Amino acid sequence: MELDLDESSLAIGRIERALSRIEKALTERATRPAPEPASSESNPDDQTALKAEVTAVIGELDRLIAEAKNG
């Protein structure tokens, strides 16, 4: 299955939006006050969401790379 130009553009748009969300989350994390010693290192939900975003970006990039090699 080859990606056409429209599908490639949509994939790139998804990557850009995900990277923007990752950047925003990391910026917010950097500006938060340090957590108290008794609390966890950071919010597990934040980490799960950030990992999901990174996984999505990697998946899109892998798909684009595979299609570029095959097409």
Protein backbone atom coordinates (compact mmCIF):
# COMPACT_ATOMS: atom_id res chain seq x y z
CA MET A 1 0.00 0.00 0.00
CA GLU A 2 1.50 3.31 -1.06
CA LEU A 3 0.76 6.58 0.62
CA ASP A 4 -0.39 9.23 -1.78
CA LEU A 5 0.47 12.88 -1.35
CA ASP A 6 -2.73 13.67 0.57
CA GLU A 7 -2.19 10.78 3.00
CA SER A 8 1.43 11.83 3.48
CA SER A 9 0.37 15.40 4.18
CA LEU A 10 -2.20 14.20 6.72
CA ALA A 11 0.41 11.99 8.41
CA ILE A 12 2.84 14.90 8.59
CA GLY A 13 0.09 17.08 10.07
CA ARG A 14 -0.60 14.43 12.73
CA ILE A 15 3.10 14.29 13.55
CA GLU A 16 3.33 18.08 13.82
CA ARG A 17 0.29 18.25 16.12
CA ALA A 18 1.60 15.43 18.31
CA LEU A 19 5.03 17.04 18.56
CA SER A 20 3.36 20.32 19.50
CA ARG A 21 1.42 18.57 22.28
CA ILE A 22 4.63 16.90 23.49
CA GLU A 23 6.45 20.24 23.51
CA LYS A 24 3.58 21.86 25.44
CA ALA A 25 3.50 19.04 28.01
CA LEU A 26 7.25 19.20 28.53
CA THR A 27 7.14 22.99 28.89
CA GLU A 28 4.33 22.75 31.43
CA ARG A 29 6.22 20.06 33.33
CA ALA A 30 9.36 22.21 33.42
CA THR A 31 7.48 25.21 34.81
CA ARG A 32 5.64 23.32 37.56
CA PRO A 33 6.92 23.63 41.10
CA ALA A 34 9.00 20.67 42.29
CA PRO A 35 6.88 17.84 43.73
CA GLU A 36 6.95 17.17 47.44
CA PRO A 37 9.20 14.29 48.50
CA ALA A 38 6.23 12.20 49.67
CA SER A 39 4.47 12.49 46.30
CA SER A 40 5.29 10.57 43.16
CA GLU A 41 7.89 11.95 40.76
CA SER A 42 5.22 13.21 38.37
CA ASN A 43 1.60 12.54 37.52
CA PRO A 44 1.35 9.01 36.06
CA ASP A 45 -1.48 10.14 33.78
CA ASP A 46 0.79 12.85 32.35
CA GLN A 47 3.54 10.33 31.72
CA THR A 48 1.11 7.86 30.11
CA ALA A 49 -0.27 10.57 27.82
CA LEU A 50 3.23 11.74 26.90
CA LYS A 51 4.33 8.17 26.13
CA ALA A 52 1.24 7.71 23.96
CA GLU A 53 2.06 10.87 22.00
CA VAL A 54 5.66 9.74 21.47
CA THR A 55 4.47 6.29 20.37
CA ALA A 56 2.04 7.88 17.90
CA VAL A 57 4.80 10.05 16.40
CA ILE A 58 7.13 7.08 16.06
CA GLY A 59 4.36 5.04 14.43
CA GLU A 60 3.62 7.76 11.89
CA LEU A 61 7.31 8.22 11.10
CA ASP A 62 7.81 4.46 10.73
CA ARG A 63 4.86 4.30 8.35
CA LEU A 64 6.16 7.20 6.25
CA ILE A 65 9.68 5.73 6.13
CA ALA A 66 8.40 2.29 5.13
CA GLU A 67 6.27 3.77 2.37
CA ALA A 68 9.19 5.89 1.13
CA LYS A 69 11.36 2.78 0.91
CA ASN A 70 8.65 0.80 -0.89
CA GLY A 71 7.42 3.53 -3.18
